[in-house]
Amino acid sequence: MTSELIYICAGSSLVGLALYQLAIYGDMLLRVLSLNVLAIGIAVLIFASARNAGVTDPVPQAFVLTGIVVLVGVTAALLAL
């Protein structure tokens, strides 16, 4: 239970930090970096919610892996602009 709570707190703080950075900063590079932090925070929250009594479910892991691959492509496209 405590490890899940740590993951939830870490993911929530990453999401909050990223949303704050998106709202405050106007530089395009900082916005791209904050979108990456937001995506990783959401991935941590998905991992935390996928754990049930110590057994991990492979479906959320596949979703997070797919999200990371899409994130790399979107980051490359945004940095090319």
PDB file of N, CA and C in Angstrom:
ATOM      1  N   MET A   1       0.819  -1.200   0.000  1.00  0.00           N
ATOM      2  CA  MET A   1       0.000   0.000   0.000  1.00  0.00           C
ATOM      3  C   MET A   1       0.858   1.258   0.000  1.00  0.00           C
ATOM      4  N   THR A   2       1.953   1.236   0.730  1.00  0.00           N
ATOM      5  CA  THR A   2       2.762   2.446   0.812  1.00  0.00           C
ATOM      6  C   THR A   2       3.486   2.734  -0.498  1.00  0.00           C
ATOM      7  N   SER A   3       3.912   1.691  -1.228  1.00  0.00           N
ATOM      8  CA  SER A   3       4.580   1.945  -2.500  1.00  0.00           C
ATOM      9  C   SER A   3       3.595   2.523  -3.512  1.00  0.00           C
ATOM     10  N   GLU A   4       2.351   2.065  -3.483  1.00  0.00           N
ATOM     11  CA  GLU A   4       1.345   2.633  -4.382  1.00  0.00           C
ATOM     12  C   GLU A   4       1.076   4.090  -4.041  1.00  0.00           C
ATOM     13  N   LEU A   5       1.061   4.399  -2.759  1.00  0.00           N
ATOM     14  CA  LEU A   5       0.850   5.776  -2.326  1.00  0.00           C
ATOM     15  C   LEU A   5       2.005   6.674  -2.767  1.00  0.00           C
ATOM     16  N   ILE A   6       3.207   6.161  -2.701  1.00  0.00           N
ATOM     17  CA  ILE A   6       4.372   6.926  -3.157  1.00  0.00           C
ATOM     18  C   ILE A   6       4.277   7.182  -4.654  1.00  0.00           C
ATOM     19  N   TYR A   7       3.893   6.162  -5.419  1.00  0.00           N
ATOM     20  CA  TYR A   7       3.744   6.340  -6.869  1.00  0.00           C
ATOM     21  C   TYR A   7       2.648   7.349  -7.203  1.00  0.00           C
ATOM     22  N   ILE A   8       1.553   7.294  -6.476  1.00  0.00           N
ATOM     23  CA  ILE A   8       0.460   8.224  -6.729  1.00  0.00           C
ATOM     24  C   ILE A   8       0.875   9.656  -6.389  1.00  0.00           C
ATOM     25  N   CYS A   9       1.579   9.818  -5.285  1.00  0.00           N
ATOM     26  CA  CYS A   9       2.058  11.163  -4.912  1.00  0.00           C
ATOM     27  C   CYS A   9       3.072  11.688  -5.921  1.00  0.00           C
ATOM     28  N   ALA A  10       3.971  10.830  -6.370  1.00  0.00           N
ATOM     29  CA  ALA A  10       4.975  11.255  -7.345  1.00  0.00           C
ATOM     30  C   ALA A  10       4.325  11.616  -8.676  1.00  0.00           C
ATOM     31  N   GLY A  11       3.406  10.798  -9.137  1.00  0.00           N
ATOM     32  CA  GLY A  11       2.722  11.088 -10.398  1.00  0.00           C
ATOM     33  C   GLY A  11       1.885  12.349 -10.322  1.00  0.00           C
ATOM     34  N   SER A  12       1.203  12.537  -9.208  1.00  0.00           N
ATOM     35  CA  SER A  12       0.383  13.738  -9.045  1.00  0.00           C
ATOM     36  C   SER A  12       1.237  14.995  -8.991  1.00  0.00           C
ATOM     37  N   SER A  13       2.377  14.913  -8.314  1.00  0.00           N
ATOM     38  CA  SER A  13       3.245  16.087  -8.257  1.00  0.00           C
ATOM     39  C   SER A  13       3.858  16.391  -9.614  1.00  0.00           C
ATOM     40  N   LEU A  14       4.198  15.371 -10.404  1.00  0.00           N
ATOM     41  CA  LEU A  14       4.713  15.608 -11.754  1.00  0.00           C
ATOM     42  C   LEU A  14       3.653  16.239 -12.652  1.00  0.00           C
ATOM     43  N   VAL A  15       2.429  15.768 -12.550  1.00  0.00           N
ATOM     44  CA  VAL A  15       1.347  16.341 -13.350  1.00  0.00           C
ATOM     45  C   VAL A  15       1.089  17.779 -12.939  1.00  0.00           C
ATOM     46  N   GLY A  16       1.061  18.048 -11.647  1.00  0.00           N
ATOM     47  CA  GLY A  16       0.845  19.418 -11.165  1.00  0.00           C
ATOM     48  C   GLY A  16       1.952  20.357 -11.583  1.00  0.00           C
ATOM     49  N   LEU A  17       3.202  19.902 -11.490  1.00  0.00           N
ATOM     50  CA  LEU A  17       4.334  20.718 -11.905  1.00  0.00           C
ATOM     51  C   LEU A  17       4.274  21.019 -13.400  1.00  0.00           C
ATOM     52  N   ALA A  18       3.927  20.026 -14.194  1.00  0.00           N
ATOM     53  CA  ALA A  18       3.856  20.226 -15.641  1.00  0.00           C
ATOM     54  C   ALA A  18       2.732  21.189 -16.013  1.00  0.00           C
ATOM     55  N   LEU A  19       1.589  21.069 -15.374  1.00  0.00           N
ATOM     56  CA  LEU A  19       0.488  21.986 -15.669  1.00  0.00           C
ATOM     57  C   LEU A  19       0.830  23.413 -15.254  1.00  0.00           C
ATOM     58  N   TYR A  20       1.547  23.561 -14.147  1.00  0.00           N
ATOM     59  CA  TYR A  20       1.992  24.884 -13.711  1.00  0.00           C
ATOM     60  C   TYR A  20       2.962  25.475 -14.732  1.00  0.00           C
ATOM     61  N   GLN A  21       3.893  24.666 -15.211  1.00  0.00           N
ATOM     62  CA  GLN A  21       4.851  25.149 -16.201  1.00  0.00           C
ATOM     63  C   GLN A  21       4.157  25.513 -17.513  1.00  0.00           C
ATOM     64  N   LEU A  22       3.166  24.745 -17.903  1.00  0.00           N
ATOM     65  CA  LEU A  22       2.425  25.073 -19.130  1.00  0.00           C
ATOM     66  C   LEU A  22       1.683  26.393 -18.992  1.00  0.00           C
ATOM     67  N   ALA A  23       1.194  26.680 -17.797  1.00  0.00           N
ATOM     68  CA  ALA A  23       0.433  27.908 -17.589  1.00  0.00           C
ATOM     69  C   ALA A  23       1.327  29.136 -17.468  1.00  0.00           C
ATOM     70  N   ILE A  24       2.515  28.976 -16.938  1.00  0.00           N
ATOM     71  CA  ILE A  24       3.377  30.116 -16.633  1.00  0.00           C
ATOM     72  C   ILE A  24       4.308  30.480 -17.780  1.00  0.00           C
ATOM     73  N   TYR A  25       5.000  29.503 -18.333  1.00  0.00           N
ATOM     74  CA  TYR A  25       6.055  29.798 -19.294  1.00  0.00           C
ATOM     75  C   TYR A  25       5.507  29.993 -20.701  1.00  0.00           C
ATOM     76  N   GLY A  26       6.124  30.901 -21.453  1.00  0.00           N
ATOM     77  CA  GLY A  26       5.704  31.165 -22.817  1.00  0.00           C
ATOM     78  C   GLY A  26       6.687  30.648 -23.854  1.00  0.00           C
ATOM     79  N   ASP A  27       7.880  30.223 -23.403  1.00  0.00           N
ATOM     80  CA  ASP A  27       8.889  29.721 -24.322  1.00  0.00           C
ATOM     81  C   ASP A  27       8.467  28.355 -24.856  1.00  0.00           C
ATOM     82  N   MET A  28       8.641  28.161 -26.163  1.00  0.00           N
ATOM     83  CA  MET A  28       8.190  26.921 -26.794  1.00  0.00           C
ATOM     84  C   MET A  28       8.972  25.710 -26.291  1.00  0.00           C
ATOM     85  N   LEU A  29      10.281  25.853 -26.089  1.00  0.00           N
ATOM     86  CA  LEU A  29      11.084  24.734 -25.615  1.00  0.00           C
ATOM     87  C   LEU A  29      10.658  24.295 -24.219  1.00  0.00           C
ATOM     88  N   LEU A  30      10.376  25.259 -23.344  1.00  0.00           N
ATOM     89  CA  LEU A  30       9.922  24.908 -21.995  1.00  0.00           C
ATOM     90  C   LEU A  30       8.537  24.266 -22.020  1.00  0.00           C
ATOM     91  N   ARG A  31       7.716  24.658 -22.962  1.00  0.00           N
ATOM     92  CA  ARG A  31       6.400  24.016 -23.077  1.00  0.00           C
ATOM     93  C   ARG A  31       6.520  22.578 -23.558  1.00  0.00           C
ATOM     94  N   VAL A  32       7.439  22.320 -24.485  1.00  0.00           N
ATOM     95  CA  VAL A  32       7.662  20.946 -24.949  1.00  0.00           C
ATOM     96  C   VAL A  32       8.186  20.086 -23.806  1.00  0.00           C
ATOM     97  N   LEU A  33       9.125  20.634 -23.028  1.00  0.00           N
ATOM     98  CA  LEU A  33       9.644  19.887 -21.886  1.00  0.00           C
ATOM     99  C   LEU A  33       8.567  19.631 -20.834  1.00  0.00           C
ATOM    100  N   SER A  34       7.699  20.604 -20.626  1.00  0.00           N
ATOM    101  CA  SER A  34       6.632  20.394 -19.644  1.00  0.00           C
ATOM    102  C   SER A  34       5.603  19.379 -20.148  1.00  0.00           C
ATOM    103  N   LEU A  35       5.396  19.295 -21.455  1.00  0.00           N
ATOM    104  CA  LEU A  35       4.524  18.244 -21.994  1.00  0.00           C
ATOM    105  C   LEU A  35       5.134  16.865 -21.770  1.00  0.00           C
ATOM    106  N   ASN A  36       6.460  16.773 -21.871  1.00  0.00           N
ATOM    107  CA  ASN A  36       7.127  15.501 -21.584  1.00  0.00           C
ATOM    108  C   ASN A  36       6.982  15.123 -20.109  1.00  0.00           C
ATOM    109  N   VAL A  37       7.132  16.093 -19.223  1.00  0.00           N
ATOM    110  CA  VAL A  37       6.960  15.828 -17.790  1.00  0.00           C
ATOM    111  C   VAL A  37       5.520  15.409 -17.504  1.00  0.00           C
ATOM    112  N   LEU A  38       4.570  16.048 -18.168  1.00  0.00           N
ATOM    113  CA  LEU A  38       3.163  15.687 -17.995  1.00  0.00           C
ATOM    114  C   LEU A  38       2.904  14.250 -18.438  1.00  0.00           C
ATOM    115  N   ALA A  39       3.466  13.859 -19.560  1.00  0.00           N
ATOM    116  CA  ALA A  39       3.258  12.496 -20.057  1.00  0.00           C
ATOM    117  C   ALA A  39       3.877  11.460 -19.121  1.00  0.00           C
ATOM    118  N   ILE A  40       5.043  11.747 -18.578  1.00  0.00           N
ATOM    119  CA  ILE A  40       5.671  10.810 -17.662  1.00  0.00           C
ATOM    120  C   ILE A  40       4.891  10.737 -16.344  1.00  0.00           C
ATOM    121  N   GLY A  41       4.351  11.872 -15.897  1.00  0.00           N
ATOM    122  CA  GLY A  41       3.518  11.856 -14.696  1.00  0.00           C
ATOM    123  C   GLY A  41       2.269  11.017 -14.882  1.00  0.00           C
ATOM    124  N   ILE A  42       1.664  11.115 -16.042  1.00  0.00           N
ATOM    125  CA  ILE A  42       0.479  10.298 -16.331  1.00  0.00           C
ATOM    126  C   ILE A  42       0.860   8.825 -16.413  1.00  0.00           C
ATOM    127  N   ALA A  43       2.036   8.531 -16.975  1.00  0.00           N
ATOM    128  CA  ALA A  43       2.495   7.139 -17.047  1.00  0.00           C
ATOM    129  C   ALA A  43       2.710   6.565 -15.647  1.00  0.00           C
ATOM    130  N   VAL A  44       3.260   7.361 -14.749  1.00  0.00           N
ATOM    131  CA  VAL A  44       3.458   6.900 -13.369  1.00  0.00           C
ATOM    132  C   VAL A  44       2.111   6.646 -12.699  1.00  0.00           C
ATOM    133  N   LEU A  45       1.133   7.509 -12.953  1.00  0.00           N
ATOM    134  CA  LEU A  45      -0.201   7.289 -12.374  1.00  0.00           C
ATOM    135  C   LEU A  45      -0.864   6.036 -12.936  1.00  0.00           C
ATOM    136  N   ILE A  46      -0.654   5.760 -14.222  1.00  0.00           N
ATOM    137  CA  ILE A  46      -1.217   4.536 -14.804  1.00  0.00           C
ATOM    138  C   ILE A  46      -0.554   3.306 -14.196  1.00  0.00           C
ATOM    139  N   PHE A  47       0.777   3.367 -14.016  1.00  0.00           N
ATOM    140  CA  PHE A  47       1.461   2.254 -13.362  1.00  0.00           C
ATOM    141  C   PHE A  47       0.960   2.049 -11.942  1.00  0.00           C
ATOM    142  N   ALA A  48       0.732   3.135 -11.225  1.00  0.00           N
ATOM    143  CA  ALA A  48       0.266   3.017  -9.842  1.00  0.00           C
ATOM    144  C   ALA A  48      -1.133   2.432  -9.767  1.00  0.00           C
ATOM    145  N   SER A  49      -1.978   2.793 -10.709  1.00  0.00           N
ATOM    146  CA  SER A  49      -3.340   2.269 -10.682  1.00  0.00           C
ATOM    147  C   SER A  49      -3.420   0.838 -11.195  1.00  0.00           C
ATOM    148  N   ALA A  50      -2.399   0.365 -11.895  1.00  0.00           N
ATOM    149  CA  ALA A  50      -2.442  -0.979 -12.472  1.00  0.00           C
ATOM    150  C   ALA A  50      -2.052  -2.067 -11.485  1.00  0.00           C
ATOM    151  N   ARG A  51      -1.484  -1.673 -10.360  1.00  0.00           N
ATOM    152  CA  ARG A  51      -1.041  -2.665  -9.390  1.00  0.00           C
ATOM    153  C   ARG A  51      -2.200  -3.107  -8.505  1.00  0.00           C
ATOM    154  N   ASN A  52      -2.421  -4.401  -8.461  1.00  0.00           N
ATOM    155  CA  ASN A  52      -3.469  -4.970  -7.602  1.00  0.00           C
ATOM    156  C   ASN A  52      -2.848  -6.065  -6.748  1.00  0.00           C
ATOM    157  N   ALA A  53      -2.640  -5.789  -5.478  1.00  0.00           N
ATOM    158  CA  ALA A  53      -2.133  -6.762  -4.501  1.00  0.00           C
ATOM    159  C   ALA A  53      -0.808  -7.367  -4.948  1.00  0.00           C
ATOM    160  N   GLY A  54       0.072  -6.544  -5.495  1.00  0.00           N
ATOM    161  CA  GLY A  54       1.395  -7.014  -5.866  1.00  0.00           C
ATOM    162  C   GLY A  54       1.494  -7.643  -7.240  1.00  0.00           C
ATOM    163  N   VAL A  55       0.378  -7.848  -7.919  1.00  0.00           N
ATOM    164  CA  VAL A  55       0.390  -8.449  -9.246  1.00  0.00           C
ATOM    165  C   VAL A  55       0.217  -7.336 -10.269  1.00  0.00           C
ATOM    166  N   THR A  56       1.136  -7.251 -11.222  1.00  0.00           N
ATOM    167  CA  THR A  56       1.045  -6.198 -12.232  1.00  0.00           C
ATOM    168  C   THR A  56       0.317  -6.730 -13.462  1.00  0.00           C
ATOM    169  N   ASP A  57      -0.463  -5.874 -14.066  1.00  0.00           N
ATOM    170  CA  ASP A  57      -1.236  -6.205 -15.252  1.00  0.00           C
ATOM    171  C   ASP A  57      -0.445  -5.760 -16.481  1.00  0.00           C
ATOM    172  N   PRO A  58      -0.267  -6.612 -17.490  1.00  0.00           N
ATOM    173  CA  PRO A  58       0.547  -6.224 -18.648  1.00  0.00           C
ATOM    174  C   PRO A  58      -0.136  -5.235 -19.594  1.00  0.00           C
ATOM    175  N   VAL A  59      -1.452  -5.106 -19.537  1.00  0.00           N
ATOM    176  CA  VAL A  59      -2.146  -4.207 -20.465  1.00  0.00           C
ATOM    177  C   VAL A  59      -1.805  -2.735 -20.199  1.00  0.00           C
ATOM    178  N   PRO A  60      -1.856  -2.243 -18.960  1.00  0.00           N
ATOM    179  CA  PRO A  60      -1.431  -0.853 -18.736  1.00  0.00           C
ATOM    180  C   PRO A  60       0.043  -0.626 -19.062  1.00  0.00           C
ATOM    181  N   GLN A  61       0.867  -1.639 -18.864  1.00  0.00           N
ATOM    182  CA  GLN A  61       2.266  -1.499 -19.228  1.00  0.00           C
ATOM    183  C   GLN A  61       2.425  -1.318 -20.729  1.00  0.00           C
ATOM    184  N   ALA A  62       1.623  -2.028 -21.508  1.00  0.00           N
ATOM    185  CA  ALA A  62       1.666  -1.873 -22.961  1.00  0.00           C
ATOM    186  C   ALA A  62       1.164  -0.492 -23.371  1.00  0.00           C
ATOM    187  N   PHE A  63       0.138   0.004 -22.692  1.00  0.00           N
ATOM    188  CA  PHE A  63      -0.362   1.354 -22.989  1.00  0.00           C
ATOM    189  C   PHE A  63       0.686   2.412 -22.687  1.00  0.00           C
ATOM    190  N   VAL A  64       1.381   2.263 -21.573  1.00  0.00           N
ATOM    191  CA  VAL A  64       2.410   3.239 -21.209  1.00  0.00           C
ATOM    192  C   VAL A  64       3.571   3.173 -22.188  1.00  0.00           C
ATOM    193  N   LEU A  65       3.970   1.980 -22.594  1.00  0.00           N
ATOM    194  CA  LEU A  65       5.047   1.848 -23.564  1.00  0.00           C
ATOM    195  C   LEU A  65       4.661   2.476 -24.894  1.00  0.00           C
ATOM    196  N   THR A  66       3.431   2.276 -25.327  1.00  0.00           N
ATOM    197  CA  THR A  66       2.957   2.912 -26.550  1.00  0.00           C
ATOM    198  C   THR A  66       2.919   4.423 -26.401  1.00  0.00           C
ATOM    199  N   GLY A  67       2.515   4.904 -25.240  1.00  0.00           N
ATOM    200  CA  GLY A  67       2.498   6.341 -24.984  1.00  0.00           C
ATOM    201  C   GLY A  67       3.878   6.955 -25.023  1.00  0.00           C
ATOM    202  N   ILE A  68       4.876   6.233 -24.520  1.00  0.00           N
ATOM    203  CA  ILE A  68       6.244   6.746 -24.554  1.00  0.00           C
ATOM    204  C   ILE A  68       6.748   6.828 -25.987  1.00  0.00           C
ATOM    205  N   VAL A  69       6.425   5.838 -26.807  1.00  0.00           N
ATOM    206  CA  VAL A  69       6.836   5.874 -28.215  1.00  0.00           C
ATOM    207  C   VAL A  69       6.174   7.044 -28.935  1.00  0.00           C
ATOM    208  N   VAL A  70       4.894   7.261 -28.685  1.00  0.00           N
ATOM    209  CA  VAL A  70       4.198   8.395 -29.300  1.00  0.00           C
ATOM    210  C   VAL A  70       4.785   9.709 -28.787  1.00  0.00           C
ATOM    211  N   LEU A  71       5.127   9.765 -27.506  1.00  0.00           N
ATOM    212  CA  LEU A  71       5.719  10.965 -26.929  1.00  0.00           C
ATOM    213  C   LEU A  71       7.035  11.320 -27.604  1.00  0.00           C
ATOM    214  N   VAL A  72       7.846  10.341 -27.905  1.00  0.00           N
ATOM    215  CA  VAL A  72       9.118  10.600 -28.576  1.00  0.00           C
ATOM    216  C   VAL A  72       8.863  11.178 -29.964  1.00  0.00           C
ATOM    217  N   GLY A  73       7.894  10.636 -30.684  1.00  0.00           N
ATOM    218  CA  GLY A  73       7.570  11.161 -32.012  1.00  0.00           C
ATOM    219  C   GLY A  73       7.020  12.574 -31.968  1.00  0.00           C
ATOM    220  N   VAL A  74       6.144  12.845 -31.028  1.00  0.00           N
ATOM    221  CA  VAL A  74       5.562  14.183 -30.910  1.00  0.00           C
ATOM    222  C   VAL A  74       6.631  15.195 -30.488  1.00  0.00           C
ATOM    223  N   THR A  75       7.509  14.785 -29.586  1.00  0.00           N
ATOM    224  CA  THR A  75       8.588  15.681 -29.159  1.00  0.00           C
ATOM    225  C   THR A  75       9.508  16.002 -30.319  1.00  0.00           C
ATOM    226  N   ALA A  76       9.844  15.020 -31.134  1.00  0.00           N
ATOM    227  CA  ALA A  76      10.696  15.268 -32.289  1.00  0.00           C
ATOM    228  C   ALA A  76      10.021  16.206 -33.287  1.00  0.00           C
ATOM    229  N   ALA A  77       8.723  16.025 -33.502  1.00  0.00           N
ATOM    230  CA  ALA A  77       7.998  16.888 -34.429  1.00  0.00           C
ATOM    231  C   ALA A  77       7.913  18.313 -33.901  1.00  0.00           C
ATOM    232  N   LEU A  78       7.661  18.476 -32.597  1.00  0.00           N
ATOM    233  CA  LEU A  78       7.567  19.811 -32.035  1.00  0.00           C
ATOM    234  C   LEU A  78       8.916  20.522 -32.024  1.00  0.00           C
ATOM    235  N   LEU A  79       9.974  19.783 -31.749  1.00  0.00           N
ATOM    236  CA  LEU A  79      11.290  20.412 -31.758  1.00  0.00           C
ATOM    237  C   LEU A  79      11.736  20.757 -33.181  1.00  0.00           C
ATOM    238  N   ALA A  80      11.239  20.034 -34.170  1.00  0.00           N
ATOM    239  CA  ALA A  80      11.581  20.359 -35.555  1.00  0.00           C
ATOM    240  C   ALA A  80      10.897  21.647 -36.000  1.00  0.00           C
ATOM    241  N   LEU A  81       9.766  21.980 -35.387  1.00  0.00           N
ATOM    242  CA  LEU A  81       9.076  23.216 -35.732  1.00  0.00           C
ATOM    243  C   LEU A  81       9.839  24.400 -35.184  1.00  0.00           C
TER     244      LEU A  81
END
